[in-house]
Each structure stands twice: as C-alpha cells, then as structure tokens.
Amino acid sequence: MALPIDPIIFDILTWLFILPGAVLLIIGGIGMITMPDVFARMHPAGVIDTLGCELILVGLMFQAGLSIVTIKLALILAFIFFTSPTATHALARACLNSGVTPKVDEEKSAALSRGGRP
C-alpha cells in the first residue's frame, strides 16, 4: 500500500527547485551581458543556464507526479545535461578557428606568469 502524501509537499518541492532555477537563469543572463568577450560569456551560458534549466525540469517532474510526462522531462533533462556543454565547447572551438581571440588583461597575465597574484 502506497503511503498517502499530501499534495502540498509536492508543491513545496516544486517551488524549491523552480525558484532557484529561475534565479540562476536570471543571474546567467546578467552575467552574459556583463562579460567582456564571447569566451567569457560562454561560461554563464554553458554552466549557469544548464543548471538553471535542470532545476526547473526537476521541479516540473515533482509537479507532474509519476506519469509519462515525468519520463519525457527526464529525457529532456538528460539531453540538456549532455548537449549544453558540448555545444558550448563546439562554439568556443569555432570562435578560435575563425580567429576570435580572448581578451586578456596583460597586467594580470604577466603577474600570473611570474607566479604572483593579480
């Protein structure tokens, strides 16, 4: 016999995943705007957005319950988990191959190459 679980618990779990996911997506969007070049912008796009989408999908899985929708959401989660970093890497490689160079602060780079702190 299955244990009766109050639906409010699923609602709370849903919001405990969706809210941080939405906040991470907003922070990732702000981070993409404030970064100086395409390579620095790939970090919030590849990491923060992936985690934000996954948190939202897990929250939606709690809301959907045990159904075919949950399986579909899990497949979407796995797809995003594997393709987002791969796409970010492919984009970075394409930028390097097309001649786009990362912006480097020469002062900090020289300090790091001497073993010092920036």
N, C-alpha and C. Protein backbone atom coordinates (compact mmCIF):
# COMPACT_ATOMS: atom_id res chain seq x y z
N MET A 1 0.84 -1.18 0.00
CA MET A 1 0.00 0.00 0.00
C MET A 1 0.88 1.24 0.00
N ALA A 2 0.59 2.15 -0.90
CA ALA A 2 1.37 3.37 -1.00
C ALA A 2 1.03 4.32 0.14
N LEU A 3 2.05 5.01 0.57
CA LEU A 3 1.83 5.99 1.63
C LEU A 3 1.15 7.22 1.05
N PRO A 4 0.11 7.70 1.70
CA PRO A 4 -0.53 8.92 1.20
C PRO A 4 0.37 10.13 1.47
N ILE A 5 0.66 10.85 0.42
CA ILE A 5 1.49 12.05 0.55
C ILE A 5 0.63 13.25 0.21
N ASP A 6 0.69 14.22 1.07
CA ASP A 6 -0.09 15.43 0.89
C ASP A 6 0.39 16.16 -0.37
N PRO A 7 -0.51 16.61 -1.23
CA PRO A 7 -0.10 17.32 -2.45
C PRO A 7 0.67 18.60 -2.16
N ILE A 8 0.49 19.17 -0.98
CA ILE A 8 1.21 20.40 -0.67
C ILE A 8 2.72 20.15 -0.59
N ILE A 9 3.11 18.92 -0.25
CA ILE A 9 4.54 18.59 -0.20
C ILE A 9 5.13 18.65 -1.61
N PHE A 10 4.39 18.15 -2.59
CA PHE A 10 4.88 18.21 -3.96
C PHE A 10 4.93 19.66 -4.45
N ASP A 11 3.97 20.47 -4.04
CA ASP A 11 4.00 21.88 -4.42
C ASP A 11 5.21 22.59 -3.81
N ILE A 12 5.51 22.29 -2.56
CA ILE A 12 6.67 22.90 -1.90
C ILE A 12 7.96 22.45 -2.59
N LEU A 13 8.07 21.14 -2.87
CA LEU A 13 9.26 20.64 -3.56
C LEU A 13 9.40 21.26 -4.95
N THR A 14 8.27 21.42 -5.62
CA THR A 14 8.29 22.05 -6.94
C THR A 14 8.89 23.44 -6.87
N TRP A 15 8.41 24.24 -5.94
CA TRP A 15 8.90 25.61 -5.83
C TRP A 15 10.32 25.68 -5.30
N LEU A 16 10.74 24.69 -4.50
CA LEU A 16 12.12 24.66 -4.02
C LEU A 16 13.11 24.39 -5.14
N PHE A 17 12.65 23.84 -6.24
CA PHE A 17 13.52 23.64 -7.40
C PHE A 17 13.32 24.71 -8.47
N ILE A 18 12.07 25.11 -8.71
CA ILE A 18 11.81 26.07 -9.79
C ILE A 18 12.35 27.45 -9.45
N LEU A 19 12.16 27.90 -8.23
CA LEU A 19 12.59 29.24 -7.86
C LEU A 19 14.11 29.43 -7.97
N PRO A 20 14.94 28.54 -7.40
CA PRO A 20 16.39 28.71 -7.60
C PRO A 20 16.80 28.57 -9.06
N GLY A 21 16.10 27.72 -9.81
CA GLY A 21 16.41 27.59 -11.23
C GLY A 21 16.15 28.88 -11.98
N ALA A 22 15.03 29.52 -11.68
CA ALA A 22 14.72 30.79 -12.33
C ALA A 22 15.71 31.88 -11.94
N VAL A 23 16.09 31.90 -10.66
CA VAL A 23 17.07 32.89 -10.20
C VAL A 23 18.41 32.67 -10.90
N LEU A 24 18.83 31.41 -11.04
CA LEU A 24 20.09 31.13 -11.73
C LEU A 24 20.03 31.55 -13.20
N LEU A 25 18.89 31.36 -13.84
CA LEU A 25 18.77 31.78 -15.23
C LEU A 25 18.85 33.30 -15.36
N ILE A 26 18.27 34.02 -14.41
CA ILE A 26 18.36 35.48 -14.43
C ILE A 26 19.80 35.92 -14.20
N ILE A 27 20.47 35.30 -13.21
CA ILE A 27 21.87 35.63 -12.94
C ILE A 27 22.74 35.30 -14.16
N GLY A 28 22.47 34.18 -14.81
CA GLY A 28 23.22 33.82 -16.01
C GLY A 28 23.01 34.82 -17.13
N GLY A 29 21.79 35.31 -17.29
CA GLY A 29 21.53 36.33 -18.30
C GLY A 29 22.26 37.63 -18.02
N ILE A 30 22.27 38.03 -16.76
CA ILE A 30 23.00 39.24 -16.37
C ILE A 30 24.50 39.03 -16.58
N GLY A 31 24.98 37.83 -16.23
CA GLY A 31 26.39 37.52 -16.42
C GLY A 31 26.80 37.56 -17.88
N MET A 32 25.92 37.11 -18.76
CA MET A 32 26.25 37.13 -20.18
C MET A 32 26.34 38.56 -20.70
N ILE A 33 25.53 39.44 -20.16
CA ILE A 33 25.57 40.84 -20.60
C ILE A 33 26.83 41.54 -20.12
N THR A 34 27.26 41.22 -18.90
CA THR A 34 28.37 41.96 -18.30
C THR A 34 29.75 41.44 -18.68
N MET A 35 29.85 40.26 -19.25
CA MET A 35 31.17 39.72 -19.59
C MET A 35 31.75 40.43 -20.80
N PRO A 36 33.09 40.54 -20.87
CA PRO A 36 33.71 41.37 -21.90
C PRO A 36 33.78 40.75 -23.30
N ASP A 37 33.91 39.44 -23.42
CA ASP A 37 34.06 38.85 -24.75
C ASP A 37 33.27 37.55 -24.85
N VAL A 38 33.30 36.97 -26.04
CA VAL A 38 32.49 35.79 -26.30
C VAL A 38 32.92 34.60 -25.46
N PHE A 39 34.20 34.49 -25.18
CA PHE A 39 34.67 33.35 -24.40
C PHE A 39 34.24 33.45 -22.94
N ALA A 40 34.27 34.64 -22.40
CA ALA A 40 33.80 34.84 -21.03
C ALA A 40 32.29 34.67 -20.94
N ARG A 41 31.58 35.00 -21.99
CA ARG A 41 30.11 34.85 -21.99
C ARG A 41 29.68 33.40 -22.08
N MET A 42 30.55 32.55 -22.60
CA MET A 42 30.19 31.14 -22.71
C MET A 42 30.09 30.46 -21.36
N HIS A 43 30.82 30.96 -20.37
CA HIS A 43 30.78 30.32 -19.06
C HIS A 43 29.40 30.41 -18.42
N PRO A 44 28.80 31.61 -18.29
CA PRO A 44 27.44 31.62 -17.73
C PRO A 44 26.43 30.93 -18.63
N ALA A 45 26.66 30.98 -19.94
CA ALA A 45 25.72 30.32 -20.84
C ALA A 45 25.79 28.80 -20.71
N GLY A 46 26.99 28.28 -20.55
CA GLY A 46 27.16 26.84 -20.51
C GLY A 46 26.91 26.21 -19.16
N VAL A 47 27.24 26.92 -18.09
CA VAL A 47 27.16 26.32 -16.76
C VAL A 47 25.88 26.74 -16.04
N ILE A 48 25.70 28.02 -15.87
CA ILE A 48 24.58 28.52 -15.08
C ILE A 48 23.25 28.19 -15.76
N ASP A 49 23.18 28.38 -17.06
CA ASP A 49 21.92 28.10 -17.75
C ASP A 49 21.59 26.61 -17.75
N THR A 50 22.61 25.77 -17.84
CA THR A 50 22.36 24.33 -17.77
C THR A 50 21.80 23.94 -16.41
N LEU A 51 22.43 24.43 -15.35
CA LEU A 51 21.96 24.10 -14.01
C LEU A 51 20.57 24.68 -13.75
N GLY A 52 20.33 25.91 -14.21
CA GLY A 52 19.01 26.52 -14.03
C GLY A 52 17.91 25.74 -14.73
N CYS A 53 18.17 25.32 -15.95
CA CYS A 53 17.18 24.51 -16.69
C CYS A 53 16.94 23.18 -16.01
N GLU A 54 18.01 22.56 -15.51
CA GLU A 54 17.85 21.27 -14.85
C GLU A 54 17.04 21.40 -13.56
N LEU A 55 17.27 22.45 -12.79
CA LEU A 55 16.48 22.65 -11.57
C LEU A 55 15.01 22.85 -11.90
N ILE A 56 14.73 23.63 -12.92
CA ILE A 56 13.34 23.84 -13.31
C ILE A 56 12.70 22.54 -13.78
N LEU A 57 13.43 21.75 -14.54
CA LEU A 57 12.88 20.47 -15.00
C LEU A 57 12.62 19.51 -13.85
N VAL A 58 13.50 19.48 -12.85
CA VAL A 58 13.26 18.62 -11.68
C VAL A 58 12.02 19.09 -10.94
N GLY A 59 11.85 20.41 -10.81
CA GLY A 59 10.65 20.94 -10.18
C GLY A 59 9.39 20.55 -10.94
N LEU A 60 9.45 20.59 -12.25
CA LEU A 60 8.31 20.18 -13.06
C LEU A 60 8.05 18.68 -12.94
N MET A 61 9.11 17.90 -12.74
CA MET A 61 8.93 16.46 -12.55
C MET A 61 8.18 16.17 -11.26
N PHE A 62 8.48 16.93 -10.20
CA PHE A 62 7.72 16.76 -8.96
C PHE A 62 6.26 17.12 -9.17
N GLN A 63 6.01 18.15 -9.94
CA GLN A 63 4.63 18.59 -10.17
C GLN A 63 3.87 17.59 -11.03
N ALA A 64 4.56 16.94 -11.96
CA ALA A 64 3.88 16.00 -12.86
C ALA A 64 3.54 14.68 -12.19
N GLY A 65 4.25 14.33 -11.14
CA GLY A 65 3.99 13.04 -10.49
C GLY A 65 4.55 11.90 -11.33
N LEU A 66 4.15 10.68 -11.00
CA LEU A 66 4.61 9.53 -11.76
C LEU A 66 3.73 9.35 -12.99
N SER A 67 4.24 9.79 -14.13
CA SER A 67 3.48 9.68 -15.37
C SER A 67 4.46 9.68 -16.53
N ILE A 68 3.92 9.60 -17.72
CA ILE A 68 4.74 9.64 -18.93
C ILE A 68 5.41 11.01 -19.08
N VAL A 69 4.76 12.03 -18.54
CA VAL A 69 5.33 13.38 -18.59
C VAL A 69 6.64 13.43 -17.83
N THR A 70 6.71 12.74 -16.69
CA THR A 70 7.93 12.70 -15.90
C THR A 70 9.07 12.05 -16.68
N ILE A 71 8.75 11.00 -17.41
CA ILE A 71 9.77 10.34 -18.22
C ILE A 71 10.26 11.26 -19.33
N LYS A 72 9.35 11.97 -19.96
CA LYS A 72 9.73 12.91 -21.00
C LYS A 72 10.60 14.04 -20.44
N LEU A 73 10.23 14.55 -19.27
CA LEU A 73 11.03 15.60 -18.64
C LEU A 73 12.42 15.08 -18.27
N ALA A 74 12.51 13.83 -17.83
CA ALA A 74 13.81 13.24 -17.50
C ALA A 74 14.67 13.10 -18.76
N LEU A 75 14.05 12.75 -19.87
CA LEU A 75 14.80 12.65 -21.13
C LEU A 75 15.28 14.03 -21.59
N ILE A 76 14.45 15.04 -21.43
CA ILE A 76 14.86 16.40 -21.77
C ILE A 76 16.01 16.83 -20.87
N LEU A 77 15.94 16.50 -19.58
CA LEU A 77 16.99 16.84 -18.64
C LEU A 77 18.31 16.19 -19.06
N ALA A 78 18.27 14.91 -19.41
CA ALA A 78 19.49 14.22 -19.85
C ALA A 78 20.03 14.84 -21.14
N PHE A 79 19.14 15.19 -22.05
CA PHE A 79 19.56 15.81 -23.31
C PHE A 79 20.28 17.13 -23.05
N ILE A 80 19.70 17.98 -22.21
CA ILE A 80 20.32 19.27 -21.89
C ILE A 80 21.64 19.06 -21.15
N PHE A 81 21.68 18.08 -20.24
CA PHE A 81 22.88 17.82 -19.46
C PHE A 81 24.07 17.49 -20.36
N PHE A 82 23.84 16.73 -21.43
CA PHE A 82 24.94 16.33 -22.29
C PHE A 82 25.19 17.29 -23.45
N THR A 83 24.16 17.92 -23.98
CA THR A 83 24.36 18.73 -25.18
C THR A 83 24.79 20.16 -24.89
N SER A 84 24.41 20.72 -23.76
CA SER A 84 24.77 22.11 -23.49
C SER A 84 26.29 22.30 -23.35
N PRO A 85 26.99 21.49 -22.55
CA PRO A 85 28.45 21.65 -22.51
C PRO A 85 29.12 21.33 -23.84
N THR A 86 28.58 20.36 -24.57
CA THR A 86 29.14 20.02 -25.87
C THR A 86 28.97 21.16 -26.86
N ALA A 87 27.80 21.78 -26.86
CA ALA A 87 27.56 22.91 -27.75
C ALA A 87 28.43 24.10 -27.37
N THR A 88 28.63 24.33 -26.08
CA THR A 88 29.50 25.42 -25.64
C THR A 88 30.93 25.18 -26.11
N HIS A 89 31.40 23.96 -25.98
CA HIS A 89 32.75 23.62 -26.43
C HIS A 89 32.89 23.79 -27.94
N ALA A 90 31.89 23.35 -28.69
CA ALA A 90 31.92 23.48 -30.14
C ALA A 90 31.92 24.95 -30.56
N LEU A 91 31.15 25.77 -29.86
CA LEU A 91 31.11 27.20 -30.15
C LEU A 91 32.46 27.85 -29.85
N ALA A 92 33.08 27.48 -28.74
CA ALA A 92 34.39 28.04 -28.40
C ALA A 92 35.43 27.62 -29.43
N ARG A 93 35.39 26.37 -29.85
CA ARG A 93 36.33 25.89 -30.86
C ARG A 93 36.11 26.62 -32.19
N ALA A 94 34.86 26.85 -32.57
CA ALA A 94 34.57 27.56 -33.81
C ALA A 94 35.06 29.01 -33.74
N CYS A 95 34.92 29.63 -32.57
CA CYS A 95 35.42 31.00 -32.42
C CYS A 95 36.94 31.05 -32.55
N LEU A 96 37.62 30.11 -31.93
CA LEU A 96 39.08 30.06 -32.04
C LEU A 96 39.52 29.80 -33.48
N ASN A 97 38.84 28.90 -34.16
CA ASN A 97 39.19 28.58 -35.54
C ASN A 97 38.92 29.73 -36.49
N SER A 98 37.95 30.58 -36.17
CA SER A 98 37.65 31.72 -37.04
C SER A 98 38.51 32.93 -36.74
N GLY A 99 39.38 32.83 -35.74
CA GLY A 99 40.32 33.91 -35.47
C GLY A 99 39.93 34.84 -34.34
N VAL A 100 38.85 34.57 -33.65
CA VAL A 100 38.46 35.39 -32.50
C VAL A 100 39.39 35.05 -31.35
N THR A 101 39.99 36.07 -30.76
CA THR A 101 40.92 35.84 -29.65
C THR A 101 40.30 36.35 -28.36
N PRO A 102 40.59 35.66 -27.26
CA PRO A 102 40.05 36.12 -25.98
C PRO A 102 40.74 37.40 -25.53
N LYS A 103 39.97 38.27 -24.86
CA LYS A 103 40.55 39.48 -24.29
C LYS A 103 41.30 39.09 -23.02
N VAL A 104 42.55 39.53 -22.94
CA VAL A 104 43.38 39.19 -21.79
C VAL A 104 43.91 40.48 -21.18
N ASP A 105 43.81 40.59 -19.87
CA ASP A 105 44.40 41.71 -19.16
C ASP A 105 45.89 41.44 -19.03
N GLU A 106 46.71 42.22 -19.74
CA GLU A 106 48.15 41.95 -19.81
C GLU A 106 48.82 42.04 -18.44
N GLU A 107 48.38 42.97 -17.61
CA GLU A 107 48.97 43.13 -16.28
C GLU A 107 48.75 41.88 -15.43
N LYS A 108 47.53 41.41 -15.39
CA LYS A 108 47.21 40.21 -14.60
C LYS A 108 47.89 38.98 -15.19
N SER A 109 47.95 38.90 -16.51
CA SER A 109 48.58 37.76 -17.15
C SER A 109 50.06 37.71 -16.84
N ALA A 110 50.73 38.87 -16.86
CA ALA A 110 52.15 38.91 -16.54
C ALA A 110 52.40 38.54 -15.09
N ALA A 111 51.54 39.01 -14.19
CA ALA A 111 51.70 38.68 -12.77
C ALA A 111 51.50 37.19 -12.53
N LEU A 112 50.55 36.60 -13.22
CA LEU A 112 50.32 35.16 -13.06
C LEU A 112 51.45 34.34 -13.64
N SER A 113 52.04 34.79 -14.75
CA SER A 113 53.13 34.04 -15.36
C SER A 113 54.40 34.10 -14.50
N ARG A 114 54.54 35.15 -13.70
CA ARG A 114 55.69 35.25 -12.78
C ARG A 114 55.43 34.50 -11.48
N GLY A 115 54.26 33.95 -11.32
CA GLY A 115 53.94 33.21 -10.11
C GLY A 115 53.35 34.08 -9.02
N GLY A 116 53.05 35.31 -9.32
CA GLY A 116 52.48 36.22 -8.34
C GLY A 116 50.96 36.20 -8.37
N ARG A 117 50.40 37.09 -7.61
CA ARG A 117 48.94 37.23 -7.58
C ARG A 117 48.55 38.44 -8.42
N PRO A 118 47.41 38.38 -9.07
CA PRO A 118 46.98 39.53 -9.89
C PRO A 118 46.58 40.72 -9.06
